[in-house]
Amino acid sequence: MGSWAKGAHFTTHFQDIEGFPMATKRDVFVRLGSWATSIPVLSAELKPLGVYFR
């Protein structure tokens, strides 16, 4: 990817996991300058089970 490849990231579907709000869905769209387009590049859903501290 070149330096021109930039996306507009949007996170949704927040879930409270052990007191921390975590976004479980991320959508990335093509960005033209400072404008986000409606062209999707990536859609990912995460299903975290917990937060563990060492």
Protein backbone atom coordinates (compact mmCIF):
# COMPACT_ATOMS: atom_id res chain seq x y z
CA MET A 1 0.00 0.00 0.00
CA GLY A 2 1.10 3.52 -0.71
CA SER A 3 0.89 6.51 1.57
CA TRP A 4 -2.28 7.47 -0.33
CA ALA A 5 -4.10 4.38 1.03
CA LYS A 6 -6.08 5.70 3.98
CA GLY A 7 -9.38 4.54 5.33
CA ALA A 8 -12.18 5.99 7.41
CA HIS A 9 -12.65 3.71 10.42
CA PHE A 10 -16.01 3.46 12.19
CA THR A 11 -16.51 1.32 15.30
CA THR A 12 -19.90 0.20 16.58
CA HIS A 13 -21.59 -2.51 18.65
CA PHE A 14 -19.89 -1.60 21.92
CA GLN A 15 -19.98 -4.24 24.61
CA ASP A 16 -19.07 -3.80 28.27
CA ILE A 17 -16.35 -6.33 29.06
CA GLU A 18 -15.23 -6.36 32.69
CA GLY A 19 -15.95 -2.65 33.00
CA PHE A 20 -14.34 -1.59 29.71
CA PRO A 21 -16.39 -0.53 26.67
CA MET A 22 -15.03 -2.45 23.67
CA ALA A 23 -16.15 -2.01 20.07
CA THR A 24 -16.92 -5.41 18.57
CA LYS A 25 -17.54 -4.21 15.01
CA ARG A 26 -15.28 -2.13 12.76
CA ASP A 27 -16.11 -0.90 9.28
CA VAL A 28 -13.51 0.73 7.06
CA PHE A 29 -14.44 2.84 4.03
CA VAL A 30 -12.37 4.45 1.28
CA ARG A 31 -11.39 7.99 2.14
CA LEU A 32 -10.86 10.74 -0.42
CA GLY A 33 -8.97 13.49 1.34
CA SER A 34 -10.94 14.23 4.49
CA TRP A 35 -14.17 12.76 3.09
CA ALA A 36 -15.34 9.22 3.85
CA THR A 37 -17.02 7.53 0.90
CA SER A 38 -19.67 4.80 0.99
CA ILE A 39 -17.24 2.33 -0.63
CA PRO A 40 -16.56 -0.44 1.94
CA VAL A 41 -13.07 -1.90 2.23
CA LEU A 42 -13.32 -4.00 5.39
CA SER A 43 -15.98 -5.13 7.84
CA ALA A 44 -14.81 -7.05 10.89
CA GLU A 45 -16.60 -8.35 13.97
CA LEU A 46 -14.77 -9.36 17.11
CA LYS A 47 -16.16 -11.56 19.83
CA PRO A 48 -13.90 -10.95 22.85
CA LEU A 49 -14.49 -13.22 25.80
CA GLY A 50 -12.71 -11.20 28.44
CA VAL A 51 -9.92 -8.88 29.38
CA TYR A 52 -6.97 -10.41 31.17
CA PHE A 53 -4.30 -8.49 33.03
CA ARG A 54 -0.87 -9.92 33.74
